[in-house]
C-alpha atoms as a PDB file:
ATOM      1  CA  MET A   1     289.843 142.026 -72.502  1.00  0.00           C
ATOM      2  CA  ASP A   2     289.008 138.108 -72.070  1.00  0.00           C
ATOM      3  CA  ALA A   3     289.817 138.652 -67.974  1.00  0.00           C
ATOM      4  CA  LEU A   4     286.688 140.916 -68.080  1.00  0.00           C
ATOM      5  CA  ILE A   5     284.180 138.494 -69.391  1.00  0.00           C
ATOM      6  CA  LEU A   6     282.825 136.537 -66.665  1.00  0.00           C
ATOM      7  CA  GLU A   7     281.415 132.989 -67.647  1.00  0.00           C
ATOM      8  CA  PRO A   8     277.788 132.657 -66.427  1.00  0.00           C
ATOM      9  CA  SER A   9     277.581 131.096 -62.709  1.00  0.00           C
ATOM     10  CA  LEU A  10     274.677 130.704 -60.141  1.00  0.00           C
ATOM     11  CA  TYR A  11     277.018 132.315 -57.868  1.00  0.00           C
ATOM     12  CA  THR A  12     276.432 135.842 -59.035  1.00  0.00           C
ATOM     13  CA  VAL A  13     275.342 137.107 -55.609  1.00  0.00           C
ATOM     14  CA  LYS A  14     278.307 137.294 -52.917  1.00  0.00           C
ATOM     15  CA  ALA A  15     276.345 138.139 -49.878  1.00  0.00           C
ATOM     16  CA  VAL A  16     272.906 138.855 -48.550  1.00  0.00           C
ATOM     17  CA  LEU A  17     272.371 141.297 -45.590  1.00  0.00           C
ATOM     18  CA  ILE A  18     269.750 142.306 -43.264  1.00  0.00           C
ATOM     19  CA  LEU A  19     270.671 145.435 -40.922  1.00  0.00           C
ATOM     20  CA  ASP A  20     268.787 147.195 -38.364  1.00  0.00           C
ATOM     21  CA  ASN A  21     268.787 151.194 -37.876  1.00  0.00           C
ATOM     22  CA  ASP A  22     271.836 151.074 -36.231  1.00  0.00           C
ATOM     23  CA  GLY A  23     273.727 149.007 -38.817  1.00  0.00           C
ATOM     24  CA  GLU A  24     273.557 145.857 -36.553  1.00  0.00           C
ATOM     25  CA  ARG A  25     273.396 142.413 -38.319  1.00  0.00           C
ATOM     26  CA  LEU A  26     269.996 140.710 -38.132  1.00  0.00           C
ATOM     27  CA  TYR A  27     270.761 138.499 -40.849  1.00  0.00           C
ATOM     28  CA  ALA A  28     273.829 137.795 -43.013  1.00  0.00           C
ATOM     29  CA  LYS A  29     274.704 135.132 -45.482  1.00  0.00           C
ATOM     30  CA  TYR A  30     278.028 135.093 -47.482  1.00  0.00           C
ATOM     31  CA  TYR A  31     278.569 133.011 -50.448  1.00  0.00           C
ATOM     32  CA  ASP A  32     282.389 133.032 -50.810  1.00  0.00           C
ATOM     33  CA  ASP A  33     285.460 133.627 -48.804  1.00  0.00           C
ATOM     34  CA  THR A  34     285.877 137.677 -49.605  1.00  0.00           C
ATOM     35  CA  TYR A  35     285.254 138.138 -46.017  1.00  0.00           C
ATOM     36  CA  PRO A  36     286.307 134.924 -43.980  1.00  0.00           C
ATOM     37  CA  THR A  37     286.098 136.175 -40.501  1.00  0.00           C
ATOM     38  CA  VAL A  38     283.211 137.219 -38.573  1.00  0.00           C
ATOM     39  CA  LYS A  39     285.307 140.195 -37.547  1.00  0.00           C
ATOM     40  CA  GLU A  40     285.726 141.231 -41.188  1.00  0.00           C
ATOM     41  CA  GLN A  41     282.291 140.739 -42.197  1.00  0.00           C
ATOM     42  CA  LYS A  42     281.175 142.887 -39.422  1.00  0.00           C
ATOM     43  CA  ALA A  43     283.695 145.651 -40.295  1.00  0.00           C
ATOM     44  CA  PHE A  44     282.421 145.302 -43.795  1.00  0.00           C
ATOM     45  CA  GLU A  45     278.685 145.487 -42.666  1.00  0.00           C
ATOM     46  CA  LYS A  46     279.439 148.715 -40.706  1.00  0.00           C
ATOM     47  CA  ASN A  47     281.145 150.362 -43.576  1.00  0.00           C
ATOM     48  CA  ILE A  48     278.437 149.860 -46.006  1.00  0.00           C
ATOM     49  CA  PHE A  49     275.878 150.921 -43.528  1.00  0.00           C
ATOM     50  CA  ASN A  50     277.902 154.000 -42.871  1.00  0.00           C
ATOM     51  CA  LYS A  51     278.018 154.858 -46.600  1.00  0.00           C
ATOM     52  CA  THR A  52     274.669 154.004 -47.634  1.00  0.00           C
ATOM     53  CA  HIS A  53     271.890 154.711 -44.656  1.00  0.00           C
ATOM     54  CA  ARG A  54     271.730 158.308 -45.559  1.00  0.00           C
ATOM     55  CA  THR A  55     271.453 158.254 -49.288  1.00  0.00           C
ATOM     56  CA  ASP A  56     268.475 157.879 -51.489  1.00  0.00           C
ATOM     57  CA  SER A  57     270.084 155.825 -54.329  1.00  0.00           C
ATOM     58  CA  GLU A  58     270.022 152.196 -54.610  1.00  0.00           C
ATOM     59  CA  ILE A  59     273.258 151.018 -55.858  1.00  0.00           C
ATOM     60  CA  ALA A  60     276.795 151.603 -54.607  1.00  0.00           C
ATOM     61  CA  LEU A  61     280.191 150.579 -55.430  1.00  0.00           C
ATOM     62  CA  LEU A  62     282.188 149.996 -52.318  1.00  0.00           C
ATOM     63  CA  GLU A  63     285.360 148.037 -51.718  1.00  0.00           C
ATOM     64  CA  GLY A  64     285.415 146.575 -55.134  1.00  0.00           C
ATOM     65  CA  LEU A  65     281.738 145.267 -54.970  1.00  0.00           C
ATOM     66  CA  THR A  66     278.545 146.088 -56.439  1.00  0.00           C
ATOM     67  CA  VAL A  67     276.246 146.685 -53.490  1.00  0.00           C
ATOM     68  CA  VAL A  68     272.306 147.110 -54.276  1.00  0.00           C
ATOM     69  CA  TYR A  69     270.373 148.029 -51.215  1.00  0.00           C
ATOM     70  CA  LYS A  70     266.728 149.045 -50.061  1.00  0.00           C
ATOM     71  CA  SER A  71     265.403 150.225 -46.636  1.00  0.00           C
ATOM     72  CA  ASN A  72     262.157 149.745 -45.317  1.00  0.00           C
ATOM     73  CA  ILE A  73     261.546 151.907 -42.152  1.00  0.00           C
ATOM     74  CA  ASP A  74     263.905 150.387 -39.636  1.00  0.00           C
ATOM     75  CA  LEU A  75     265.473 147.556 -41.905  1.00  0.00           C
ATOM     76  CA  TYR A  76     268.127 147.594 -44.570  1.00  0.00           C
ATOM     77  CA  PHE A  77     268.242 145.087 -47.125  1.00  0.00           C
ATOM     78  CA  TYR A  78     271.528 144.498 -48.986  1.00  0.00           C
ATOM     79  CA  VAL A  79     272.565 142.244 -51.751  1.00  0.00           C
ATOM     80  CA  ILE A  80     276.297 142.236 -52.696  1.00  0.00           C
ATOM     81  CA  GLY A  81     277.974 141.056 -56.148  1.00  0.00           C
ATOM     82  CA  SER A  82     281.134 141.698 -57.754  1.00  0.00           C
ATOM     83  CA  SER A  83     281.984 145.065 -59.424  1.00  0.00           C
ATOM     84  CA  HIS A  84     281.549 143.261 -62.806  1.00  0.00           C
ATOM     85  CA  GLU A  85     278.275 141.994 -61.850  1.00  0.00           C
ATOM     86  CA  ASN A  86     274.856 143.235 -63.636  1.00  0.00           C
ATOM     87  CA  GLU A  87     273.301 145.653 -61.354  1.00  0.00           C
ATOM     88  CA  VAL A  88     269.915 144.823 -62.762  1.00  0.00           C
ATOM     89  CA  ILE A  89     270.069 141.241 -61.700  1.00  0.00           C
ATOM     90  CA  LEU A  90     271.093 142.286 -58.204  1.00  0.00           C
ATOM     91  CA  ILE A  91     268.247 144.653 -58.349  1.00  0.00           C
ATOM     92  CA  MET A  92     265.917 141.788 -59.186  1.00  0.00           C
ATOM     93  CA  VAL A  93     266.948 139.952 -56.273  1.00  0.00           C
ATOM     94  CA  THR A  94     266.285 142.922 -53.703  1.00  0.00           C
ATOM     95  CA  GLY A  95     262.944 143.512 -55.563  1.00  0.00           C
ATOM     96  CA  VAL A  96     261.786 139.799 -54.957  1.00  0.00           C
ATOM     97  CA  SER A  97     263.106 139.948 -51.434  1.00  0.00           C
ATOM     98  CA  ASN A  98     261.733 143.376 -50.692  1.00  0.00           C
ATOM     99  CA  TRP A  99     258.485 141.697 -49.522  1.00  0.00           C
ATOM    100  CA  LEU A 100     260.691 140.022 -46.803  1.00  0.00           C
ATOM    101  CA  CYS A 101     261.705 143.130 -45.265  1.00  0.00           C
ATOM    102  CA  SER A 102     258.015 144.430 -45.248  1.00  0.00           C
ATOM    103  CA  PHE A 103     257.146 141.313 -43.670  1.00  0.00           C
ATOM    104  CA  ILE A 104     259.726 141.484 -40.881  1.00  0.00           C
ATOM    105  CA  SER A 105     258.976 145.117 -40.154  1.00  0.00           C
ATOM    106  CA  LEU A 106     255.271 144.318 -39.906  1.00  0.00           C
ATOM    107  CA  LEU A 107     256.004 141.201 -37.334  1.00  0.00           C
ATOM    108  CA  MET A 108     258.404 143.567 -35.440  1.00  0.00           C
ATOM    109  CA  HIS A 109     255.592 146.146 -35.126  1.00  0.00           C
ATOM    110  CA  ILE A 110     253.127 143.687 -34.061  1.00  0.00           C
ATOM    111  CA  CYS A 111     255.483 142.099 -31.584  1.00  0.00           C
ATOM    112  CA  MET A 112     256.092 145.618 -30.146  1.00  0.00           C
ATOM    113  CA  TYR A 113     252.416 146.247 -29.367  1.00  0.00           C
ATOM    114  CA  ASN A 114     251.192 142.873 -28.214  1.00  0.00           C
END
């Protein structure tokens, strides 16, 4: 039972990802060594995108990790935590960062038409 009780940590987020419509990486920051190589990271990102880009939900459990995500027209924003992590905390991170996706999308739109 004690193994399931995690000590509080500042490292609740394992990774933050921003992917485009095709699942290609625009931004990725990994905060631990769960996926140490770029090849493993990109395979993980493709797997996440393939399983989440057609769903309306905001939370998924994939590869033993909690994945919270939001999409905004042509961007997908992911926050990844451990399977024992509180989803509400991860959702708060995506909520605060949702403006970033809107801003990037707006900038891309402006750049396309100028």
